[in-house]
Amino acid sequence: MGVNGAGKTTLLKLLNGEIQPTSGKVKRGKTVVTAVLTQEVKELDDVSDLRVIEVIEREKRSFNVGGKEFTAGQLVEQLGFTNEKQWTPVKDLSGGERRRLQLLRLLVGSPTC
């Protein structure tokens, strides 16, 4: 938290490797995988013709969550996409549904931070 212009976004971009520091250096671990949930949902533009379930299945078909195995369909359903809604093209989703799909897509990418 901080006032506008304090450098919050710049700090996050430095940590994510999106920009380079003007002085000094940023040291990141070799196994660090970041995930960023942006305010826009432009990350879904490249999959707008795919259906919800297809977007997640592109990542993996099954997932281990808390020691339990879930299919992509079960995982998507846990995030509020009914069986019918799973077959909706991404371009036809509401803003909130796109945001949930964006979040799920980031999480199944197995970020470390």
C-alpha atoms as a PDB file:
ATOM      1  CA  MET A   1       0.000   0.000   0.000  1.00  0.00           C
ATOM      2  CA  GLY A   2       1.117   3.516  -0.625  1.00  0.00           C
ATOM      3  CA  VAL A   3       0.238   6.793  -2.248  1.00  0.00           C
ATOM      4  CA  ASN A   4       0.013   7.163  -6.024  1.00  0.00           C
ATOM      5  CA  GLY A   5       3.452   7.395  -7.588  1.00  0.00           C
ATOM      6  CA  ALA A   6       5.278   5.768  -4.662  1.00  0.00           C
ATOM      7  CA  GLY A   7       6.570   2.927  -6.869  1.00  0.00           C
ATOM      8  CA  LYS A   8       4.326  -0.017  -5.988  1.00  0.00           C
ATOM      9  CA  THR A   9       3.780  -1.093  -9.602  1.00  0.00           C
ATOM     10  CA  THR A  10       7.422  -0.446 -10.494  1.00  0.00           C
ATOM     11  CA  LEU A  11       8.554  -2.695  -7.635  1.00  0.00           C
ATOM     12  CA  LEU A  12       6.272  -5.512  -8.784  1.00  0.00           C
ATOM     13  CA  LYS A  13       7.485  -5.152 -12.385  1.00  0.00           C
ATOM     14  CA  LEU A  14      11.095  -5.310 -11.184  1.00  0.00           C
ATOM     15  CA  LEU A  15      10.410  -8.464  -9.173  1.00  0.00           C
ATOM     16  CA  ASN A  16       8.572 -10.036 -12.113  1.00  0.00           C
ATOM     17  CA  GLY A  17      11.412  -9.232 -14.520  1.00  0.00           C
ATOM     18  CA  GLU A  18       9.245  -7.000 -16.721  1.00  0.00           C
ATOM     19  CA  ILE A  19      11.638  -4.057 -16.350  1.00  0.00           C
ATOM     20  CA  GLN A  20      15.288  -3.684 -15.405  1.00  0.00           C
ATOM     21  CA  PRO A  21      16.519  -1.457 -12.566  1.00  0.00           C
ATOM     22  CA  THR A  22      18.161   1.859 -13.472  1.00  0.00           C
ATOM     23  CA  SER A  23      20.785   1.118 -10.811  1.00  0.00           C
ATOM     24  CA  GLY A  24      21.641  -1.848  -8.653  1.00  0.00           C
ATOM     25  CA  LYS A  25      20.348  -5.306  -9.502  1.00  0.00           C
ATOM     26  CA  VAL A  26      17.508  -7.681  -8.792  1.00  0.00           C
ATOM     27  CA  LYS A  27      18.440 -11.237  -7.877  1.00  0.00           C
ATOM     28  CA  ARG A  28      15.798 -13.890  -8.507  1.00  0.00           C
ATOM     29  CA  GLY A  29      15.974 -17.576  -7.741  1.00  0.00           C
ATOM     30  CA  LYS A  30      16.400 -19.894 -10.728  1.00  0.00           C
ATOM     31  CA  THR A  31      13.236 -21.815  -9.950  1.00  0.00           C
ATOM     32  CA  VAL A  32      11.005 -18.798  -9.312  1.00  0.00           C
ATOM     33  CA  VAL A  33       7.835 -18.815 -11.434  1.00  0.00           C
ATOM     34  CA  THR A  34       5.656 -15.764 -10.965  1.00  0.00           C
ATOM     35  CA  ALA A  35       2.004 -15.288 -11.811  1.00  0.00           C
ATOM     36  CA  VAL A  36       0.378 -11.900 -12.206  1.00  0.00           C
ATOM     37  CA  LEU A  37      -3.343 -11.278 -12.158  1.00  0.00           C
ATOM     38  CA  THR A  38      -3.611  -8.067 -14.154  1.00  0.00           C
ATOM     39  CA  GLN A  39      -6.487  -5.619 -14.038  1.00  0.00           C
ATOM     40  CA  GLU A  40      -7.250  -6.323 -17.670  1.00  0.00           C
ATOM     41  CA  VAL A  41      -8.193  -9.745 -18.975  1.00  0.00           C
ATOM     42  CA  LYS A  42      -6.221  -9.403 -22.202  1.00  0.00           C
ATOM     43  CA  GLU A  43      -4.358 -12.622 -21.359  1.00  0.00           C
ATOM     44  CA  LEU A  44      -7.464 -14.473 -22.506  1.00  0.00           C
ATOM     45  CA  ASP A  45      -7.546 -12.784 -25.941  1.00  0.00           C
ATOM     46  CA  ASP A  46      -5.384 -15.541 -27.448  1.00  0.00           C
ATOM     47  CA  VAL A  47      -7.907 -18.188 -26.368  1.00  0.00           C
ATOM     48  CA  SER A  48     -11.157 -16.295 -26.973  1.00  0.00           C
ATOM     49  CA  ASP A  49     -12.402 -18.867 -29.501  1.00  0.00           C
ATOM     50  CA  LEU A  50     -11.743 -21.796 -27.149  1.00  0.00           C
ATOM     51  CA  ARG A  51     -14.250 -23.070 -24.630  1.00  0.00           C
ATOM     52  CA  VAL A  52     -13.630 -22.676 -20.887  1.00  0.00           C
ATOM     53  CA  ILE A  53     -12.757 -26.336 -20.358  1.00  0.00           C
ATOM     54  CA  GLU A  54     -10.381 -26.331 -23.340  1.00  0.00           C
ATOM     55  CA  VAL A  55      -8.408 -23.409 -21.888  1.00  0.00           C
ATOM     56  CA  ILE A  56      -7.704 -25.334 -18.690  1.00  0.00           C
ATOM     57  CA  GLU A  57      -7.113 -28.671 -20.435  1.00  0.00           C
ATOM     58  CA  ARG A  58      -4.395 -26.972 -22.482  1.00  0.00           C
ATOM     59  CA  GLU A  59      -2.463 -26.646 -19.220  1.00  0.00           C
ATOM     60  CA  LYS A  60      -3.169 -30.146 -17.870  1.00  0.00           C
ATOM     61  CA  ARG A  61      -5.983 -32.688 -17.864  1.00  0.00           C
ATOM     62  CA  SER A  62      -5.775 -33.575 -14.177  1.00  0.00           C
ATOM     63  CA  PHE A  63      -4.578 -31.733 -11.102  1.00  0.00           C
ATOM     64  CA  ASN A  64      -3.547 -32.661  -7.591  1.00  0.00           C
ATOM     65  CA  VAL A  65      -5.067 -30.238  -5.095  1.00  0.00           C
ATOM     66  CA  GLY A  66      -4.549 -30.876  -1.394  1.00  0.00           C
ATOM     67  CA  GLY A  67      -3.690 -34.516  -2.047  1.00  0.00           C
ATOM     68  CA  LYS A  68      -6.819 -35.112  -4.133  1.00  0.00           C
ATOM     69  CA  GLU A  69      -6.892 -35.679  -7.867  1.00  0.00           C
ATOM     70  CA  PHE A  70      -9.233 -33.482  -9.919  1.00  0.00           C
ATOM     71  CA  THR A  71     -10.013 -33.478 -13.626  1.00  0.00           C
ATOM     72  CA  ALA A  72      -9.983 -30.148 -15.433  1.00  0.00           C
ATOM     73  CA  GLY A  73     -13.795 -30.262 -15.506  1.00  0.00           C
ATOM     74  CA  GLN A  74     -14.054 -30.806 -11.758  1.00  0.00           C
ATOM     75  CA  LEU A  75     -11.615 -27.991 -11.072  1.00  0.00           C
ATOM     76  CA  VAL A  76     -13.468 -25.589 -13.362  1.00  0.00           C
ATOM     77  CA  GLU A  77     -16.743 -26.563 -11.680  1.00  0.00           C
ATOM     78  CA  GLN A  78     -15.232 -25.741  -8.270  1.00  0.00           C
ATOM     79  CA  LEU A  79     -14.715 -22.198  -9.546  1.00  0.00           C
ATOM     80  CA  GLY A  80     -18.381 -21.839 -10.394  1.00  0.00           C
ATOM     81  CA  PHE A  81     -18.536 -22.911 -14.029  1.00  0.00           C
ATOM     82  CA  THR A  82     -21.481 -25.269 -14.345  1.00  0.00           C
ATOM     83  CA  ASN A  83     -21.211 -28.263 -16.648  1.00  0.00           C
ATOM     84  CA  GLU A  84     -23.038 -26.265 -19.326  1.00  0.00           C
ATOM     85  CA  LYS A  85     -20.934 -23.105 -18.809  1.00  0.00           C
ATOM     86  CA  GLN A  86     -17.710 -25.112 -19.248  1.00  0.00           C
ATOM     87  CA  TRP A  87     -18.538 -25.400 -22.943  1.00  0.00           C
ATOM     88  CA  THR A  88     -19.074 -21.664 -23.441  1.00  0.00           C
ATOM     89  CA  PRO A  89     -16.539 -19.897 -25.680  1.00  0.00           C
ATOM     90  CA  VAL A  90     -14.315 -17.533 -23.683  1.00  0.00           C
ATOM     91  CA  LYS A  91     -15.434 -14.591 -25.842  1.00  0.00           C
ATOM     92  CA  ASP A  92     -19.023 -15.109 -24.590  1.00  0.00           C
ATOM     93  CA  LEU A  93     -18.178 -15.005 -20.864  1.00  0.00           C
ATOM     94  CA  SER A  94     -19.133 -12.105 -18.613  1.00  0.00           C
ATOM     95  CA  GLY A  95     -16.413  -9.945 -17.085  1.00  0.00           C
ATOM     96  CA  GLY A  96     -16.559 -11.793 -13.764  1.00  0.00           C
ATOM     97  CA  GLU A  97     -16.424 -15.188 -15.454  1.00  0.00           C
ATOM     98  CA  ARG A  98     -13.416 -14.086 -17.513  1.00  0.00           C
ATOM     99  CA  ARG A  99     -11.703 -12.941 -14.317  1.00  0.00           C
ATOM    100  CA  ARG A 100     -12.325 -16.312 -12.614  1.00  0.00           C
ATOM    101  CA  LEU A 101     -10.996 -18.159 -15.655  1.00  0.00           C
ATOM    102  CA  GLN A 102      -7.957 -15.884 -15.758  1.00  0.00           C
ATOM    103  CA  LEU A 103      -7.244 -16.627 -12.087  1.00  0.00           C
ATOM    104  CA  LEU A 104      -7.679 -20.376 -12.534  1.00  0.00           C
ATOM    105  CA  ARG A 105      -5.414 -20.365 -15.587  1.00  0.00           C
ATOM    106  CA  LEU A 106      -2.698 -18.649 -13.559  1.00  0.00           C
ATOM    107  CA  LEU A 107      -3.053 -21.057 -10.642  1.00  0.00           C
ATOM    108  CA  VAL A 108      -2.873 -24.212 -12.741  1.00  0.00           C
ATOM    109  CA  GLY A 109       0.359 -22.849 -14.239  1.00  0.00           C
ATOM    110  CA  SER A 110       1.947 -23.738 -10.852  1.00  0.00           C
ATOM    111  CA  PRO A 111       3.493 -20.411  -9.884  1.00  0.00           C
ATOM    112  CA  THR A 112       5.895 -20.394  -6.939  1.00  0.00           C
ATOM    113  CA  CYS A 113       5.083 -16.813  -5.986  1.00  0.00           C
END
